[in-house]
Amino acid sequence: MSYFRGDTYLWSDSEHLHLWTSQSYSPANEAYAAGVSIPEPIMDGFAAMRFAELLHTGKAHAAIEAALESGNFGCDCLRMHAAALLDFIADFEVRRSASAHPHPSSHRSDS
């Protein structure tokens, strides 16, 4: 899988996720491109936590749509499962909304 957006390039070799940028984002790499290689199991955990955060903040649907619109060739798997993921997100948001705003009769006491 690989993903390119602007000056940022990410790719996987099935063991590590490699992240590279040609633009400075901090004083540490002010004058040159920078990159890092992170073991995939660590990134898998991060991806799971980030997806949960996107669900919690209501941004998961938009993130999936933006990834699909990017035209990156790393989106093949996402394209295959997009409909099911978007359905899951819609169901999740309905459940979250219902639990955040319970029906008034659910708090009624009949005693």
Protein backbone atom coordinates (compact mmCIF):
# COMPACT_ATOMS: atom_id res chain seq x y z
CA MET A 1 0.00 0.00 0.00
CA SER A 2 1.19 3.52 -0.68
CA TYR A 3 -0.28 6.96 -0.31
CA PHE A 4 0.93 10.25 -1.70
CA ARG A 5 -0.52 13.61 -0.80
CA GLY A 6 1.27 16.84 -1.52
CA ASP A 7 4.79 16.56 -0.20
CA THR A 8 4.03 13.55 2.02
CA TYR A 9 4.59 9.96 0.91
CA LEU A 10 3.67 6.86 2.94
CA TRP A 11 4.20 3.25 1.91
CA SER A 12 4.29 -0.18 3.43
CA ASP A 13 6.65 -3.04 2.73
CA SER A 14 4.45 -5.41 4.83
CA GLU A 15 6.81 -5.10 7.79
CA HIS A 16 7.17 -1.34 8.26
CA LEU A 17 5.27 1.80 7.43
CA HIS A 18 7.59 4.39 5.88
CA LEU A 19 6.72 8.07 6.14
CA TRP A 20 8.57 10.73 4.15
CA THR A 21 8.07 14.42 3.66
CA SER A 22 9.98 16.83 1.46
CA GLN A 23 8.82 19.87 3.43
CA SER A 24 9.95 20.99 6.84
CA TYR A 25 7.38 20.55 9.58
CA SER A 26 9.67 21.23 12.50
CA PRO A 27 13.04 22.80 13.28
CA ALA A 28 14.53 19.28 13.38
CA ASN A 29 14.28 18.90 9.59
CA GLU A 30 14.24 22.55 8.57
CA ALA A 31 16.58 22.25 5.60
CA TYR A 32 16.00 18.74 4.25
CA ALA A 33 13.54 15.96 3.60
CA ALA A 34 12.85 13.67 6.51
CA GLY A 35 11.53 10.17 6.96
CA VAL A 36 10.92 7.43 9.46
CA SER A 37 10.17 3.73 9.36
CA ILE A 38 7.78 2.34 11.99
CA PRO A 39 6.95 -1.36 12.54
CA GLU A 40 3.50 -2.16 11.14
CA PRO A 41 2.12 -3.70 14.38
CA ILE A 42 2.68 -0.32 16.06
CA MET A 43 0.98 1.49 13.18
CA ASP A 44 -1.88 -1.04 13.21
CA GLY A 45 -2.59 -0.17 16.84
CA PHE A 46 -2.41 3.52 16.03
CA ALA A 47 -4.75 3.06 13.04
CA ALA A 48 -7.30 1.27 15.25
CA MET A 49 -7.15 3.99 17.90
CA ARG A 50 -7.33 6.75 15.27
CA PHE A 51 -10.37 5.13 13.62
CA ALA A 52 -12.09 4.97 17.02
CA GLU A 53 -11.25 8.64 17.56
CA LEU A 54 -12.68 9.52 14.12
CA LEU A 55 -15.87 7.63 15.04
CA HIS A 56 -16.08 9.41 18.39
CA THR A 57 -15.68 12.87 16.83
CA GLY A 58 -18.00 12.16 13.89
CA LYS A 59 -15.21 12.55 11.32
CA ALA A 60 -14.86 8.95 10.08
CA HIS A 61 -17.26 9.30 7.15
CA ALA A 62 -15.48 12.43 5.88
CA ALA A 63 -12.06 10.77 6.28
CA ILE A 64 -13.13 7.78 4.19
CA GLU A 65 -14.67 10.00 1.51
CA ALA A 66 -11.50 12.14 1.35
CA ALA A 67 -9.30 9.05 1.05
CA LEU A 68 -11.45 7.68 -1.76
CA GLU A 69 -11.35 11.01 -3.61
CA SER A 70 -7.57 11.25 -3.37
CA GLY A 71 -7.07 8.87 -6.29
CA ASN A 72 -4.16 7.12 -4.58
CA PHE A 73 -3.50 3.58 -5.71
CA GLY A 74 -3.27 2.54 -2.05
CA CYS A 75 -7.06 2.88 -1.74
CA ASP A 76 -7.97 -0.38 -3.51
CA CYS A 77 -8.82 -2.22 -0.29
CA LEU A 78 -10.72 0.78 1.02
CA ARG A 79 -12.72 0.96 -2.21
CA MET A 80 -13.64 -2.74 -1.85
CA HIS A 81 -15.01 -2.21 1.67
CA ALA A 82 -16.17 1.43 1.54
CA ALA A 83 -19.90 0.70 1.34
CA ALA A 84 -19.81 -1.62 4.36
CA LEU A 85 -17.64 0.82 6.35
CA LEU A 86 -19.91 3.76 5.55
CA ASP A 87 -22.97 1.68 6.56
CA PHE A 88 -21.23 0.75 9.83
CA ILE A 89 -20.42 4.40 10.51
CA ALA A 90 -24.01 5.46 9.82
CA ASP A 91 -25.32 2.76 12.20
CA PHE A 92 -22.73 3.73 14.82
CA GLU A 93 -23.73 7.40 14.62
CA VAL A 94 -27.42 6.52 15.02
CA ARG A 95 -26.64 4.39 18.10
CA ARG A 96 -24.36 7.09 19.55
CA SER A 97 -27.02 9.75 18.99
CA ALA A 98 -29.70 7.58 20.60
CA SER A 99 -27.55 6.90 23.67
CA ALA A 100 -26.61 10.57 24.01
CA HIS A 101 -30.28 11.63 23.86
CA PRO A 102 -32.34 8.88 25.51
CA HIS A 103 -36.09 9.01 25.08
CA PRO A 104 -37.69 10.91 28.00
CA SER A 105 -39.94 7.97 28.88
CA SER A 106 -36.87 5.82 29.57
CA HIS A 107 -36.29 7.85 32.77
CA ARG A 108 -39.88 7.67 34.00
CA SER A 109 -40.49 6.02 37.33
CA ASP A 110 -43.75 4.08 37.68
CA SER A 111 -43.41 3.53 41.43
